[in-house]
C-alpha atoms as a PDB file:
ATOM      1  CA  MET A   1     -12.469 -36.104 172.292  1.00  0.00           C
ATOM      2  CA  TYR A   2     -10.193 -39.126 172.675  1.00  0.00           C
ATOM      3  CA  GLU A   3     -12.943 -41.777 172.958  1.00  0.00           C
ATOM      4  CA  GLU A   4     -12.389 -43.278 169.497  1.00  0.00           C
ATOM      5  CA  LEU A   5      -8.624 -43.338 169.989  1.00  0.00           C
ATOM      6  CA  VAL A   6      -8.982 -45.029 173.380  1.00  0.00           C
ATOM      7  CA  GLU A   7     -11.246 -47.746 171.976  1.00  0.00           C
ATOM      8  CA  GLN A   8      -8.982 -48.330 168.974  1.00  0.00           C
ATOM      9  CA  LYS A   9      -5.798 -48.594 171.078  1.00  0.00           C
ATOM     10  CA  LYS A  10      -7.413 -50.841 173.715  1.00  0.00           C
ATOM     11  CA  LYS A  11      -8.551 -53.198 170.961  1.00  0.00           C
ATOM     12  CA  GLU A  12      -5.038 -53.176 169.460  1.00  0.00           C
ATOM     13  CA  TRP A  13      -3.453 -53.864 172.877  1.00  0.00           C
ATOM     14  CA  ALA A  14      -5.879 -56.737 173.526  1.00  0.00           C
ATOM     15  CA  GLU A  15      -4.753 -58.363 170.264  1.00  0.00           C
ATOM     16  CA  GLN A  16      -1.041 -57.629 170.856  1.00  0.00           C
ATOM     17  CA  PRO A  17      -0.251 -57.300 174.596  1.00  0.00           C
ATOM     18  CA  MET A  18       3.422 -56.471 173.906  1.00  0.00           C
ATOM     19  CA  LEU A  19       2.291 -53.086 172.560  1.00  0.00           C
ATOM     20  CA  ARG A  20       0.699 -52.027 175.856  1.00  0.00           C
ATOM     21  CA  PRO A  21       2.729 -49.154 177.395  1.00  0.00           C
ATOM     22  CA  ARG A  22       4.088 -49.280 180.927  1.00  0.00           C
ATOM     23  CA  ILE A  23       6.028 -47.024 183.272  1.00  0.00           C
ATOM     24  CA  ALA A  24       9.758 -47.699 183.039  1.00  0.00           C
ATOM     25  CA  ALA A  25      10.776 -45.127 185.655  1.00  0.00           C
ATOM     26  CA  LEU A  26       9.361 -42.197 187.578  1.00  0.00           C
ATOM     27  CA  LYS A  27      12.067 -39.615 188.270  1.00  0.00           C
ATOM     28  CA  ILE A  28      11.731 -36.811 190.797  1.00  0.00           C
ATOM     29  CA  ASN A  29      14.195 -33.922 190.736  1.00  0.00           C
ATOM     30  CA  MET A  30      14.379 -31.228 193.412  1.00  0.00           C
ATOM     31  CA  SER A  31      16.669 -28.269 192.656  1.00  0.00           C
ATOM     32  CA  LEU A  32      17.420 -26.222 195.761  1.00  0.00           C
ATOM     33  CA  GLY A  33      20.380 -24.073 194.728  1.00  0.00           C
ATOM     34  CA  LYS A  34      22.384 -24.534 197.907  1.00  0.00           C
ATOM     35  CA  ALA A  35      23.882 -27.173 200.125  1.00  0.00           C
ATOM     36  CA  GLY A  36      23.589 -27.604 203.851  1.00  0.00           C
ATOM     37  CA  ASP A  37      20.499 -27.800 206.015  1.00  0.00           C
ATOM     38  CA  ILE A  38      18.011 -26.930 203.269  1.00  0.00           C
ATOM     39  CA  LEU A  39      19.367 -29.769 201.112  1.00  0.00           C
ATOM     40  CA  ASN A  40      19.053 -32.243 203.980  1.00  0.00           C
ATOM     41  CA  ARG A  41      15.442 -31.180 204.597  1.00  0.00           C
ATOM     42  CA  GLY A  42      14.630 -31.513 200.892  1.00  0.00           C
ATOM     43  CA  MET A  43      16.173 -34.967 200.771  1.00  0.00           C
ATOM     44  CA  GLY A  44      14.088 -35.905 203.814  1.00  0.00           C
ATOM     45  CA  VAL A  45      10.919 -34.863 201.974  1.00  0.00           C
ATOM     46  CA  LEU A  46      11.851 -36.995 198.963  1.00  0.00           C
ATOM     47  CA  GLU A  47      12.659 -39.962 201.187  1.00  0.00           C
ATOM     48  CA  GLU A  48       9.338 -39.633 203.017  1.00  0.00           C
ATOM     49  CA  LEU A  49       7.461 -39.403 199.704  1.00  0.00           C
ATOM     50  CA  THR A  50       9.127 -42.299 197.873  1.00  0.00           C
ATOM     51  CA  GLY A  51      10.456 -44.541 200.643  1.00  0.00           C
ATOM     52  CA  GLN A  52      13.850 -44.548 198.910  1.00  0.00           C
ATOM     53  CA  LYS A  53      17.057 -42.707 199.700  1.00  0.00           C
ATOM     54  CA  PRO A  54      17.592 -39.775 197.291  1.00  0.00           C
ATOM     55  CA  VAL A  55      20.923 -38.913 195.696  1.00  0.00           C
ATOM     56  CA  GLU A  56      22.518 -35.451 195.716  1.00  0.00           C
ATOM     57  CA  THR A  57      22.973 -33.610 192.427  1.00  0.00           C
ATOM     58  CA  TYR A  58      25.948 -31.338 191.860  1.00  0.00           C
ATOM     59  CA  SER A  59      26.369 -28.105 189.921  1.00  0.00           C
ATOM     60  CA  LYS A  60      28.164 -28.359 186.596  1.00  0.00           C
ATOM     61  CA  GLN A  61      29.225 -24.711 186.463  1.00  0.00           C
ATOM     62  CA  THR A  62      30.208 -21.880 188.767  1.00  0.00           C
ATOM     63  CA  TRP A  63      27.584 -19.140 189.120  1.00  0.00           C
ATOM     64  CA  ARG A  64      29.151 -16.296 191.112  1.00  0.00           C
ATOM     65  CA  LYS A  65      25.989 -14.243 190.999  1.00  0.00           C
ATOM     66  CA  TRP A  66      24.163 -16.924 192.992  1.00  0.00           C
ATOM     67  CA  GLY A  67      27.137 -18.083 195.061  1.00  0.00           C
ATOM     68  CA  ILE A  68      27.272 -21.561 193.501  1.00  0.00           C
ATOM     69  CA  ARG A  69      30.587 -23.284 192.834  1.00  0.00           C
ATOM     70  CA  LYS A  70      31.245 -26.095 190.383  1.00  0.00           C
ATOM     71  CA  GLY A  71      30.830 -29.476 192.078  1.00  0.00           C
ATOM     72  CA  GLN A  72      28.754 -28.093 194.965  1.00  0.00           C
ATOM     73  CA  PRO A  73      25.610 -30.081 195.933  1.00  0.00           C
ATOM     74  CA  VAL A  74      22.579 -28.092 194.754  1.00  0.00           C
ATOM     75  CA  GLY A  75      19.711 -30.572 194.633  1.00  0.00           C
ATOM     76  CA  ALA A  76      18.446 -34.113 195.033  1.00  0.00           C
ATOM     77  CA  LYS A  77      16.866 -36.734 192.811  1.00  0.00           C
ATOM     78  CA  VAL A  78      15.297 -40.155 193.149  1.00  0.00           C
ATOM     79  CA  THR A  79      14.156 -42.774 190.621  1.00  0.00           C
ATOM     80  CA  VAL A  80      11.218 -45.059 191.385  1.00  0.00           C
ATOM     81  CA  ARG A  81      10.472 -48.172 189.331  1.00  0.00           C
ATOM     82  CA  GLY A  82       7.959 -51.016 189.350  1.00  0.00           C
ATOM     83  CA  ASP A  83       4.674 -51.055 191.255  1.00  0.00           C
ATOM     84  CA  LYS A  84       5.799 -48.209 193.525  1.00  0.00           C
ATOM     85  CA  ALA A  85       6.007 -45.969 190.445  1.00  0.00           C
ATOM     86  CA  TYR A  86       2.350 -46.647 189.563  1.00  0.00           C
ATOM     87  CA  GLU A  87       1.199 -45.890 193.128  1.00  0.00           C
ATOM     88  CA  LEU A  88       3.319 -42.754 193.407  1.00  0.00           C
ATOM     89  CA  LEU A  89       2.107 -41.465 190.040  1.00  0.00           C
ATOM     90  CA  MET A  90      -1.470 -41.879 191.281  1.00  0.00           C
ATOM     91  CA  LYS A  91      -0.696 -39.639 194.286  1.00  0.00           C
ATOM     92  CA  LEU A  92       1.131 -37.074 192.178  1.00  0.00           C
ATOM     93  CA  LEU A  93      -1.610 -36.914 189.539  1.00  0.00           C
ATOM     94  CA  HIS A  94      -4.154 -36.484 192.337  1.00  0.00           C
ATOM     95  CA  THR A  95      -2.234 -33.353 193.324  1.00  0.00           C
ATOM     96  CA  LYS A  96      -2.574 -32.055 189.748  1.00  0.00           C
ATOM     97  CA  GLU A  97      -6.279 -33.036 189.706  1.00  0.00           C
ATOM     98  CA  TYR A  98      -5.473 -35.734 187.110  1.00  0.00           C
ATOM     99  CA  LYS A  99      -4.747 -33.096 184.462  1.00  0.00           C
ATOM    100  CA  VAL A 100      -1.832 -33.519 182.079  1.00  0.00           C
ATOM    101  CA  LYS A 101      -1.009 -31.008 179.372  1.00  0.00           C
ATOM    102  CA  ARG A 102      -0.769 -32.414 175.858  1.00  0.00           C
ATOM    103  CA  SER A 103       2.337 -30.256 175.323  1.00  0.00           C
ATOM    104  CA  SER A 104       4.127 -31.987 178.224  1.00  0.00           C
ATOM    105  CA  ILE A 105       4.180 -35.321 176.362  1.00  0.00           C
ATOM    106  CA  ASP A 106       7.216 -35.726 174.096  1.00  0.00           C
ATOM    107  CA  ARG A 107       7.538 -37.660 170.810  1.00  0.00           C
ATOM    108  CA  GLN A 108       8.692 -40.827 172.613  1.00  0.00           C
ATOM    109  CA  GLY A 109       5.652 -40.831 174.914  1.00  0.00           C
ATOM    110  CA  ASN A 110       7.440 -39.615 178.073  1.00  0.00           C
ATOM    111  CA  PHE A 111       5.824 -36.824 180.045  1.00  0.00           C
ATOM    112  CA  GLY A 112       6.513 -34.551 182.961  1.00  0.00           C
ATOM    113  CA  PHE A 113       4.969 -31.979 185.258  1.00  0.00           C
ATOM    114  CA  GLY A 114       5.836 -29.896 188.289  1.00  0.00           C
ATOM    115  CA  ILE A 115       4.565 -29.935 191.859  1.00  0.00           C
ATOM    116  CA  ASN A 116       4.667 -26.494 193.493  1.00  0.00           C
ATOM    117  CA  GLU A 117       4.210 -27.562 197.117  1.00  0.00           C
ATOM    118  CA  HIS A 118       4.842 -31.035 198.470  1.00  0.00           C
ATOM    119  CA  ILE A 119       2.168 -30.563 201.129  1.00  0.00           C
ATOM    120  CA  ASP A 120      -0.514 -30.808 198.401  1.00  0.00           C
ATOM    121  CA  ILE A 121       0.297 -34.518 197.996  1.00  0.00           C
ATOM    122  CA  PRO A 122      -2.077 -36.821 199.930  1.00  0.00           C
ATOM    123  CA  GLY A 123      -0.396 -38.133 203.062  1.00  0.00           C
ATOM    124  CA  MET A 124       2.201 -35.342 203.298  1.00  0.00           C
ATOM    125  CA  GLU A 125       1.878 -33.055 206.316  1.00  0.00           C
ATOM    126  CA  TYR A 126       3.228 -29.537 206.794  1.00  0.00           C
ATOM    127  CA  ASP A 127       6.094 -29.370 209.264  1.00  0.00           C
ATOM    128  CA  PRO A 128       7.363 -25.866 210.153  1.00  0.00           C
ATOM    129  CA  ASN A 129      10.838 -27.308 210.780  1.00  0.00           C
ATOM    130  CA  VAL A 130      10.988 -28.661 207.217  1.00  0.00           C
ATOM    131  CA  GLY A 131       9.256 -25.968 205.163  1.00  0.00           C
ATOM    132  CA  ILE A 132       7.667 -26.300 201.740  1.00  0.00           C
ATOM    133  CA  PHE A 133       9.418 -27.747 198.697  1.00  0.00           C
ATOM    134  CA  GLY A 134       8.517 -28.130 195.050  1.00  0.00           C
ATOM    135  CA  PHE A 135       9.939 -30.536 192.500  1.00  0.00           C
ATOM    136  CA  ASP A 136       9.732 -31.806 188.941  1.00  0.00           C
ATOM    137  CA  VAL A 137       8.367 -35.215 187.979  1.00  0.00           C
ATOM    138  CA  VAL A 138       9.334 -37.003 184.758  1.00  0.00           C
ATOM    139  CA  VAL A 139       7.701 -40.289 183.781  1.00  0.00           C
ATOM    140  CA  GLN A 140       9.628 -42.487 181.350  1.00  0.00           C
ATOM    141  CA  MET A 141       7.336 -44.776 179.360  1.00  0.00           C
ATOM    142  CA  GLU A 142       8.216 -47.973 177.498  1.00  0.00           C
ATOM    143  CA  ARG A 143       6.797 -51.147 176.040  1.00  0.00           C
ATOM    144  CA  ALA A 144       7.709 -54.718 176.900  1.00  0.00           C
ATOM    145  CA  GLY A 145      10.805 -55.701 174.958  1.00  0.00           C
ATOM    146  CA  TYR A 146      12.727 -52.413 175.309  1.00  0.00           C
ATOM    147  CA  ARG A 147      15.461 -54.310 177.143  1.00  0.00           C
ATOM    148  CA  VAL A 148      16.634 -55.672 173.769  1.00  0.00           C
ATOM    149  CA  LYS A 149      17.687 -52.145 172.821  1.00  0.00           C
ATOM    150  CA  ASN A 150      19.732 -51.475 175.984  1.00  0.00           C
ATOM    151  CA  ARG A 151      21.193 -54.814 177.085  1.00  0.00           C
ATOM    152  CA  SER A 152      24.934 -55.402 176.758  1.00  0.00           C
ATOM    153  CA  TYR A 153      24.648 -58.868 175.206  1.00  0.00           C
ATOM    154  CA  ARG A 154      23.223 -59.179 171.663  1.00  0.00           C
ATOM    155  CA  ARG A 155      21.868 -55.646 171.485  1.00  0.00           C
ATOM    156  CA  HIS A 156      19.428 -55.031 168.624  1.00  0.00           C
ATOM    157  CA  LYS A 157      17.463 -52.170 167.179  1.00  0.00           C
ATOM    158  CA  LEU A 158      13.730 -52.065 167.719  1.00  0.00           C
ATOM    159  CA  PRO A 159      11.312 -51.663 164.824  1.00  0.00           C
ATOM    160  CA  GLN A 160       9.710 -48.250 164.479  1.00  0.00           C
ATOM    161  CA  LYS A 161       6.218 -49.573 165.259  1.00  0.00           C
ATOM    162  CA  HIS A 162       7.433 -50.754 168.679  1.00  0.00           C
ATOM    163  CA  PHE A 163       8.327 -47.219 169.810  1.00  0.00           C
ATOM    164  CA  LEU A 164       5.756 -45.321 171.838  1.00  0.00           C
ATOM    165  CA  THR A 165       3.870 -42.355 170.455  1.00  0.00           C
ATOM    166  CA  PRO A 166       2.224 -39.511 172.373  1.00  0.00           C
ATOM    167  CA  GLU A 167      -1.160 -41.047 171.543  1.00  0.00           C
ATOM    168  CA  ASP A 168      -0.161 -44.295 173.290  1.00  0.00           C
ATOM    169  CA  THR A 169       0.701 -42.356 176.436  1.00  0.00           C
ATOM    170  CA  ILE A 170      -2.528 -40.373 176.270  1.00  0.00           C
ATOM    171  CA  VAL A 171      -4.576 -43.578 176.044  1.00  0.00           C
ATOM    172  CA  PHE A 172      -2.518 -45.140 178.884  1.00  0.00           C
ATOM    173  CA  LEU A 173      -3.199 -42.127 181.143  1.00  0.00           C
ATOM    174  CA  ILE A 174      -6.911 -42.047 180.313  1.00  0.00           C
ATOM    175  CA  ASP A 175      -7.312 -45.814 180.731  1.00  0.00           C
ATOM    176  CA  GLN A 176      -5.117 -46.348 183.792  1.00  0.00           C
ATOM    177  CA  TYR A 177      -5.597 -43.094 185.749  1.00  0.00           C
ATOM    178  CA  GLU A 178      -8.706 -41.509 184.178  1.00  0.00           C
ATOM    179  CA  ALA A 179      -6.567 -38.450 183.453  1.00  0.00           C
ATOM    180  CA  ILE A 180      -7.778 -35.359 181.662  1.00  0.00           C
ATOM    181  CA  ILE A 181      -5.598 -34.328 178.727  1.00  0.00           C
ATOM    182  CA  GLU A 182      -5.637 -30.560 178.165  1.00  0.00           C
END
């Protein structure tokens, strides 16, 4: 279905390597709804998975029905960049059987998916003292040269053709991870 598109994009990227997409950041968010022991266990799972120390997230509103106060820690998140992001995405896509929904890719080429149980990830063991946690994964895609848009010194706009499209991400996933786009 995407064979012609893959060949066309690979040829284009061979001619102009700056157009090849790459992973800017892989962000994992775990919403737990309460602080305390469960939050510490969830943060331990994220640290074991990524090898980095996660950061607590705090509620923005008070929800009396659920017993959540504004400013209370309710979750954890971690951002992975560089080569570790590519390796971690391989593990996470393995959990999803390398299937990515076409509807989960946005107009800028970023995509996301959810993991229901962390024990499905290769290398993660079930521990009855920890329990089972799920989380959301968001992958931020970019091309070389995006720093020009965000730097503080001599910031410039990027031309429209330099922005990623969903098709670029689809070809990247098929080429790099042999993913199946549904």
